[in-house]
Amino acid sequence: MNTVTVGPRERVAAAYDPRMPELPATFRAYVVDKPQGGTFSRGLRDVSTADLPPGDVTIRVAWSGVNFKDGLAAREDGRVARSYPLIPGIDLAGTVVASEDPAFAVGAAVLANGYDIGVARHGGYGELARLPSGWVVPMPAGMTARDAMAIGTAGFTAAMSVAALENHGLRAGDGPVLVTGASGGVGSMAVAMLAARGHEVWAATGKTSEADRLARLGAAGFLTREDVTGPGRPLDSARWAGAVDTVGAATLPYVLRTLRIGAAVASSGNASGVELVTTVLPFILRGVALLGMDSGNMAIEPRRVLWGRLAGDLSPRAMLDDAESLTEASLDTLEPALNAIHAGEARGRWVVRVTG
């Protein structure tokens, strides 16, 4: 392969220091690019290590994952990539190979997700990544790099959602909790987490073939896509003690008008669109709450705490142990997964073996 430069076109002096432990001159990465006035391209390249962006922690990436945002970043019309050339991959986990921060010793196991990773800064689909130490999370005790990326941003967002609902007052035994888009990454993780914490979970999915898998994760009941996307009155029968909505425009109006008094929905998805058509009645007559889940910008300290919980009381163990819920890819077989997740064909989680 030819070596290509994937650093910013207006270079900022890189934090690369030749006195650090010696790194390879190049590394493999999946790169998307659209030169000024040129043609969009994507695929595997050899990338110059010296062209990694500034940062004080360099990581040999072992695993990454595939998220909806990654699928968008890998498309010319995705409107996610904010700079070119770009190595996508909003999640990564691996081992520190060079560090200017004593908090992260060479050889330490770490992970990272969110911020600008994989959208404006090179991410997890390369064998090396360089990040600010303020974006890096020490690997929680008992968690492997593969499990961390099986969880990934999808599981992190699901954990944010479950924690937000419980902080709002939801308790096991309060009543059924709905998860929309349940067959996807965030939805499947949310089903597993809620069920493990004793909640009665109902899964809404357009894929009836997923019922057996979702039942193994803990779903107690099911709704079809038609059940949650059809027209309704401004207020329908109050049914749900809480909800996790991963779909957006098509399902969120139904969720809002069927929440119980004082209940909340944690909203994180826009796969069906961003426009929300609803009324104020659920808010002013039932006091429901719409809780937005922004996993990309959570501050680093609460981010590290939440990752610790993902190795403990919020672990989606049923998901991690279910072979049908995880599909493994590599940099060489990444394209089909990126295409499939954009096409709405997600089934659980894809994990991407980058090195090792």
Protein backbone atom coordinates (compact mmCIF):
# COMPACT_ATOMS: atom_id res chain seq x y z
CA MET A 1 0.00 0.00 0.00
CA ASN A 2 1.06 3.60 -0.53
CA THR A 3 1.56 5.79 2.49
CA VAL A 4 -0.86 8.71 2.71
CA THR A 5 -1.00 11.73 4.95
CA VAL A 6 -4.20 12.02 6.97
CA GLY A 7 -3.30 14.92 9.21
CA PRO A 8 -5.19 18.25 9.12
CA ARG A 9 -4.61 20.14 5.89
CA GLU A 10 -3.69 23.21 7.93
CA ARG A 11 -1.17 21.48 10.16
CA VAL A 12 -0.99 22.19 13.87
CA ALA A 13 2.39 21.20 15.32
CA ALA A 14 1.94 17.60 16.41
CA ALA A 15 2.69 16.46 19.93
CA TYR A 16 4.81 13.63 18.55
CA ASP A 17 8.14 13.54 20.36
CA PRO A 18 10.92 11.29 18.99
CA ARG A 19 12.25 10.80 22.54
CA MET A 20 9.11 8.82 23.36
CA PRO A 21 9.13 5.03 22.93
CA GLU A 22 9.76 4.26 19.29
CA LEU A 23 6.63 3.87 17.21
CA PRO A 24 6.29 2.36 13.75
CA ALA A 25 6.70 4.78 10.87
CA THR A 26 3.28 3.84 9.46
CA PHE A 27 0.16 2.03 10.54
CA ARG A 28 -2.93 0.61 8.84
CA ALA A 29 -6.18 2.52 9.00
CA TYR A 30 -9.55 2.80 7.32
CA VAL A 31 -9.63 6.32 5.87
CA VAL A 32 -12.39 8.43 4.38
CA ASP A 33 -11.36 11.43 2.29
CA LYS A 34 -12.75 14.14 0.06
CA PRO A 35 -10.06 16.51 -1.22
CA GLN A 36 -11.07 20.06 -1.99
CA GLY A 37 -12.93 19.84 -5.29
CA GLY A 38 -12.15 16.14 -5.52
CA THR A 39 -13.94 12.80 -5.27
CA PHE A 40 -15.01 11.10 -2.07
CA SER A 41 -13.14 7.88 -1.28
CA ARG A 42 -12.86 5.38 1.54
CA GLY A 43 -10.80 2.31 2.25
CA LEU A 44 -7.67 0.88 3.90
CA ARG A 45 -4.47 2.89 3.75
CA ASP A 46 -1.00 2.96 5.28
CA VAL A 47 -0.89 6.16 7.34
CA SER A 48 2.18 8.04 8.54
CA THR A 49 2.50 7.92 12.33
CA ALA A 50 4.08 11.38 12.30
CA ASP A 51 0.81 12.74 10.94
CA LEU A 52 -1.24 11.77 13.99
CA PRO A 53 -2.86 14.84 15.54
CA PRO A 54 -1.68 16.55 18.72
CA GLY A 55 -2.27 14.78 22.02
CA ASP A 56 -0.40 13.46 25.02
CA VAL A 57 -1.48 9.79 24.96
CA THR A 58 -0.79 7.48 22.02
CA ILE A 59 -2.74 4.23 21.99
CA ARG A 60 -2.26 1.00 20.10
CA VAL A 61 -5.89 0.27 19.25
CA ALA A 62 -6.95 -3.33 19.81
CA TRP A 63 -10.72 -3.06 19.31
CA SER A 64 -13.30 -0.60 18.08
CA GLY A 65 -17.02 -0.83 17.29
CA VAL A 66 -19.57 0.16 14.67
CA ASN A 67 -22.14 2.80 15.55
CA PHE A 68 -24.73 4.64 13.45
CA LYS A 69 -22.51 7.72 13.50
CA ASP A 70 -19.64 5.65 12.07
CA GLY A 71 -21.86 4.59 9.20
CA LEU A 72 -22.63 8.25 8.52
CA ALA A 73 -18.99 9.30 8.78
CA ALA A 74 -18.12 6.78 6.09
CA ARG A 75 -20.60 8.27 3.60
CA GLU A 76 -20.23 11.35 1.45
CA ASP A 77 -23.79 12.39 2.31
CA GLY A 78 -23.51 11.47 6.00
CA ARG A 79 -22.95 15.07 7.20
CA VAL A 80 -21.00 13.82 10.21
CA ALA A 81 -17.34 14.04 9.19
CA ARG A 82 -16.13 17.55 9.98
CA SER A 83 -12.69 17.26 8.43
CA TYR A 84 -10.93 15.25 5.74
CA PRO A 85 -8.99 13.03 5.52
CA LEU A 86 -10.47 11.22 8.52
CA ILE A 87 -10.06 7.89 10.29
CA PRO A 88 -13.59 7.13 11.59
CA GLY A 89 -14.46 5.07 14.65
CA ILE A 90 -16.01 6.92 17.60
CA ASP A 91 -14.98 4.14 20.03
CA LEU A 92 -11.57 2.65 20.73
CA ALA A 93 -9.84 0.48 23.31
CA GLY A 94 -6.25 -0.62 23.57
CA THR A 95 -2.90 -0.07 25.24
CA VAL A 96 -0.88 3.10 25.85
CA VAL A 97 2.34 3.02 23.79
CA ALA A 98 3.52 6.59 24.45
CA SER A 99 2.44 9.14 27.05
CA GLU A 100 3.29 12.61 28.26
CA ASP A 101 0.82 12.30 31.15
CA PRO A 102 2.06 10.37 34.21
CA ALA A 103 -1.54 9.30 34.89
CA PHE A 104 -1.30 7.01 31.86
CA ALA A 105 1.77 4.81 31.92
CA VAL A 106 3.02 2.98 28.86
CA GLY A 107 1.35 -0.44 28.87
CA ALA A 108 -1.84 0.75 30.60
CA ALA A 109 -5.15 -0.52 29.24
CA VAL A 110 -7.46 2.34 28.27
CA LEU A 111 -10.56 3.20 26.25
CA ALA A 112 -12.11 6.33 24.78
CA ASN A 113 -15.38 7.41 23.21
CA GLY A 114 -17.20 10.63 22.45
CA TYR A 115 -15.88 14.17 22.02
CA ASP A 116 -14.55 14.67 18.48
CA ILE A 117 -13.21 11.13 18.09
CA GLY A 118 -14.00 9.69 14.67
CA VAL A 119 -15.78 12.79 13.37
CA ALA A 120 -13.31 15.69 13.58
CA ARG A 121 -10.31 13.78 14.94
CA HIS A 122 -8.90 10.44 13.86
CA GLY A 123 -10.60 7.60 15.67
CA GLY A 124 -10.66 3.89 16.30
CA TYR A 125 -10.37 2.44 12.79
CA GLY A 126 -6.58 2.76 12.83
CA GLU A 127 -3.91 0.72 14.55
CA LEU A 128 -2.70 3.86 16.37
CA ALA A 129 -4.61 6.81 17.84
CA ARG A 130 -3.38 9.90 19.66
CA LEU A 131 -5.70 11.71 22.08
CA PRO A 132 -5.66 14.34 24.81
CA SER A 133 -5.35 12.58 28.16
CA GLY A 134 -8.52 14.38 29.26
CA TRP A 135 -10.47 12.21 26.84
CA VAL A 136 -9.01 8.88 27.97
CA VAL A 137 -10.66 6.44 30.40
CA PRO A 138 -8.60 3.87 32.34
CA MET A 139 -9.95 0.41 31.57
CA PRO A 140 -12.28 -0.56 34.45
CA ALA A 141 -11.18 -3.53 36.53
CA GLY A 142 -12.53 -6.80 35.17
CA MET A 143 -13.37 -5.36 31.74
CA THR A 144 -11.53 -6.54 28.62
CA ALA A 145 -10.88 -4.34 25.60
CA ARG A 146 -13.21 -6.51 23.53
CA ASP A 147 -16.02 -6.25 26.09
CA ALA A 148 -15.47 -2.49 26.31
CA MET A 149 -16.00 -2.17 22.57
CA ALA A 150 -18.89 -4.64 22.55
CA ILE A 151 -20.44 -2.11 24.94
CA GLY A 152 -19.04 0.93 23.12
CA THR A 153 -20.89 4.18 22.64
CA ALA A 154 -24.13 2.23 22.18
CA GLY A 155 -23.85 0.63 25.61
CA PHE A 156 -22.54 3.85 27.13
CA THR A 157 -25.60 5.69 25.82
CA ALA A 158 -27.89 2.95 27.12
CA ALA A 159 -26.24 3.21 30.54
CA MET A 160 -26.71 6.99 30.50
CA SER A 161 -30.37 6.41 29.70
CA VAL A 162 -30.98 3.86 32.46
CA ALA A 163 -29.13 6.01 35.00
CA ALA A 164 -31.11 9.10 33.96
CA LEU A 165 -34.45 7.30 34.31
CA GLU A 166 -33.53 5.94 37.73
CA ASN A 167 -32.23 9.35 38.83
CA HIS A 168 -35.62 10.71 37.77
CA GLY A 169 -37.27 8.24 40.15
CA LEU A 170 -37.87 5.04 38.19
CA ARG A 171 -37.62 1.95 40.39
CA ALA A 172 -37.97 -1.75 39.70
CA GLY A 173 -41.60 -2.71 40.17
CA ASP A 174 -42.98 0.68 39.13
CA GLY A 175 -44.39 -0.76 35.91
CA PRO A 176 -43.40 -1.59 32.35
CA VAL A 177 -40.53 0.27 30.71
CA LEU A 178 -40.52 0.61 26.92
CA VAL A 179 -37.42 0.45 24.70
CA THR A 180 -37.87 1.49 21.06
CA GLY A 181 -35.48 0.34 18.36
CA ALA A 182 -34.79 -2.58 20.65
CA SER A 183 -32.96 -4.72 18.11
CA GLY A 184 -30.22 -2.12 17.55
CA GLY A 185 -27.12 -1.50 19.62
CA VAL A 186 -28.45 1.07 22.12
CA GLY A 187 -31.83 -0.65 22.31
CA SER A 188 -30.45 -4.14 22.92
CA MET A 189 -28.08 -2.83 25.58
CA ALA A 190 -30.91 -0.94 27.28
CA VAL A 191 -33.10 -4.06 27.33
CA ALA A 192 -30.29 -6.09 28.94
CA MET A 193 -29.46 -3.41 31.53
CA LEU A 194 -33.04 -2.65 32.54
CA ALA A 195 -33.95 -6.33 32.84
CA ALA A 196 -30.85 -7.05 34.93
CA ARG A 197 -31.91 -4.26 37.30
CA GLY A 198 -35.34 -5.80 37.82
CA HIS A 199 -37.47 -3.73 35.47
CA GLU A 200 -40.28 -5.16 33.35
CA VAL A 201 -39.00 -4.39 29.86
CA TRP A 202 -41.07 -4.17 26.70
CA ALA A 203 -39.21 -4.14 23.39
CA ALA A 204 -40.50 -2.30 20.32
CA THR A 205 -38.89 -3.44 17.08
CA GLY A 206 -39.74 -3.69 13.43
CA LYS A 207 -37.87 -6.99 13.25
CA THR A 208 -40.13 -9.74 14.56
CA SER A 209 -37.34 -12.25 13.96
CA GLU A 210 -35.47 -10.63 16.87
CA ALA A 211 -38.03 -11.62 19.52
CA ASP A 212 -36.17 -14.72 20.73
CA ARG A 213 -32.88 -12.86 21.08
CA LEU A 214 -34.49 -9.94 22.89
CA ALA A 215 -36.29 -12.34 25.21
CA ARG A 216 -32.91 -13.85 26.13
CA LEU A 217 -31.74 -10.35 26.99
CA GLY A 218 -34.71 -9.94 29.32
CA ALA A 219 -37.60 -8.51 27.31
CA ALA A 220 -40.93 -9.49 28.87
CA GLY A 221 -43.19 -8.16 26.09
CA PHE A 222 -43.09 -6.85 22.55
CA LEU A 223 -44.58 -4.16 20.34
CA THR A 224 -44.34 -3.93 16.57
CA ARG A 225 -43.18 -0.93 14.58
CA GLU A 226 -46.80 -0.22 13.68
CA ASP A 227 -47.76 -0.16 17.37
CA VAL A 228 -45.42 2.74 18.08
CA THR A 229 -45.50 4.77 14.87
CA GLY A 230 -49.18 5.07 14.06
CA PRO A 231 -51.30 8.19 14.61
CA GLY A 232 -52.88 8.74 18.00
CA ARG A 233 -54.66 11.27 20.15
CA PRO A 234 -52.72 14.04 21.93
CA LEU A 235 -52.95 11.82 25.04
CA ASP A 236 -53.44 8.06 24.88
CA SER A 237 -53.83 5.61 27.75
CA ALA A 238 -51.01 6.04 30.25
CA ARG A 239 -49.00 2.84 30.03
CA TRP A 240 -45.26 3.24 30.57
CA ALA A 241 -43.43 3.93 33.82
CA GLY A 242 -40.45 5.00 31.74
CA ALA A 243 -38.97 4.63 28.28
CA VAL A 244 -35.73 4.60 26.31
CA ASP A 245 -36.27 5.95 22.79
CA THR A 246 -33.51 5.23 20.28
CA VAL A 247 -35.44 5.98 17.08
CA GLY A 248 -36.55 9.62 17.18
CA ALA A 249 -39.22 11.25 15.05
CA ALA A 250 -41.24 8.14 14.24
CA THR A 251 -41.62 6.77 17.79
CA LEU A 252 -41.07 9.58 20.28
CA PRO A 253 -44.57 11.12 19.82
CA TYR A 254 -46.15 7.76 20.75
CA VAL A 255 -43.88 7.41 23.77
CA LEU A 256 -44.69 10.88 25.08
CA ARG A 257 -48.45 10.48 24.81
CA THR A 258 -48.44 7.07 26.56
CA LEU A 259 -46.13 7.79 29.51
CA ARG A 260 -47.63 7.64 32.98
CA ILE A 261 -47.94 10.69 35.21
CA GLY A 262 -44.47 11.93 36.19
CA ALA A 263 -42.67 9.39 34.01
CA ALA A 264 -39.71 10.18 31.74
CA VAL A 265 -38.27 9.08 28.42
CA ALA A 266 -34.52 9.08 27.75
CA SER A 267 -34.08 10.10 24.11
CA SER A 268 -30.88 9.36 22.20
CA GLY A 269 -31.73 8.45 18.60
CA ASN A 270 -32.67 10.15 15.35
CA ALA A 271 -32.46 7.26 12.87
CA SER A 272 -36.03 7.98 11.74
CA GLY A 273 -35.54 11.74 11.52
CA VAL A 274 -35.03 14.78 13.73
CA GLU A 275 -38.38 16.57 13.51
CA LEU A 276 -40.61 16.00 16.55
CA VAL A 277 -44.36 16.47 16.01
CA THR A 278 -46.21 16.37 19.33
CA THR A 279 -48.23 18.57 21.70
CA VAL A 280 -47.56 20.13 25.06
CA LEU A 281 -50.30 18.04 26.71
CA PRO A 282 -48.08 15.19 27.97
CA PHE A 283 -45.88 17.77 29.65
CA ILE A 284 -48.54 19.99 31.23
CA LEU A 285 -51.22 17.40 32.02
CA ARG A 286 -49.07 14.43 33.04
CA GLY A 287 -45.83 16.14 33.98
CA VAL A 288 -43.74 13.83 31.82
CA ALA A 289 -40.07 14.58 31.16
CA LEU A 290 -38.02 14.33 27.98
CA LEU A 291 -34.41 13.63 28.94
CA GLY A 292 -31.83 14.18 26.19
CA MET A 293 -28.85 11.80 26.14
CA ASP A 294 -25.69 13.46 24.82
CA SER A 295 -23.02 10.80 25.18
CA GLY A 296 -20.54 12.73 23.07
CA ASN A 297 -19.95 15.64 25.42
CA MET A 298 -20.17 14.19 28.93
CA ALA A 299 -17.30 15.54 31.05
CA ILE A 300 -14.45 13.12 31.60
CA GLU A 301 -14.87 12.48 35.34
CA PRO A 302 -18.54 11.41 35.18
CA ARG A 303 -17.65 9.54 31.98
CA ARG A 304 -15.04 7.53 33.86
CA VAL A 305 -17.51 6.88 36.68
CA LEU A 306 -20.16 5.62 34.26
CA TRP A 307 -17.66 3.32 32.55
CA GLY A 308 -16.87 1.94 35.99
CA ARG A 309 -20.55 1.20 36.48
CA LEU A 310 -20.62 -0.57 33.11
CA ALA A 311 -18.16 -3.04 34.64
CA GLY A 312 -20.41 -3.37 37.68
CA ASP A 313 -24.07 -2.67 38.42
CA LEU A 314 -24.88 -1.51 34.86
CA SER A 315 -23.08 -4.34 33.08
CA PRO A 316 -25.10 -5.66 30.09
CA ARG A 317 -23.85 -9.18 30.83
CA ALA A 318 -26.70 -10.92 29.05
CA MET A 319 -25.80 -8.99 25.89
CA LEU A 320 -22.08 -9.71 26.16
CA ASP A 321 -22.73 -13.41 26.69
CA ASP A 322 -25.19 -13.77 23.81
CA ALA A 323 -23.36 -14.93 20.69
CA GLU A 324 -26.15 -13.76 18.37
CA SER A 325 -25.97 -10.23 19.77
CA LEU A 326 -22.35 -9.64 18.79
CA THR A 327 -20.81 -9.78 15.32
CA GLU A 328 -17.04 -9.52 14.92
CA ALA A 329 -15.40 -7.69 12.03
CA SER A 330 -11.88 -6.54 11.19
CA LEU A 331 -10.48 -3.57 9.31
CA ASP A 332 -10.53 -5.79 6.21
CA THR A 333 -14.23 -6.65 6.64
CA LEU A 334 -15.45 -3.30 7.95
CA GLU A 335 -17.26 -2.08 4.82
CA PRO A 336 -20.30 -4.41 5.05
CA ALA A 337 -20.91 -3.45 8.68
CA LEU A 338 -20.75 0.28 7.89
CA ASN A 339 -23.18 -0.20 5.02
CA ALA A 340 -25.53 -2.37 7.07
CA ILE A 341 -25.80 -0.06 10.07
CA HIS A 342 -26.63 2.89 7.82
CA ALA A 343 -29.28 0.76 6.10
CA GLY A 344 -30.99 0.02 9.43
CA GLU A 345 -29.82 -3.59 9.51
CA ALA A 346 -28.22 -3.40 12.95
CA ARG A 347 -28.63 -6.51 15.07
CA GLY A 348 -27.03 -5.96 18.42
CA ARG A 349 -23.43 -4.82 18.15
CA TRP A 350 -20.50 -5.13 15.76
CA VAL A 351 -17.05 -5.26 17.37
CA VAL A 352 -14.03 -4.51 15.19
CA ARG A 353 -10.70 -6.25 15.79
CA VAL A 354 -8.11 -3.63 14.83
CA THR A 355 -4.87 -5.27 16.02
CA GLY A 356 -3.92 -8.44 17.85
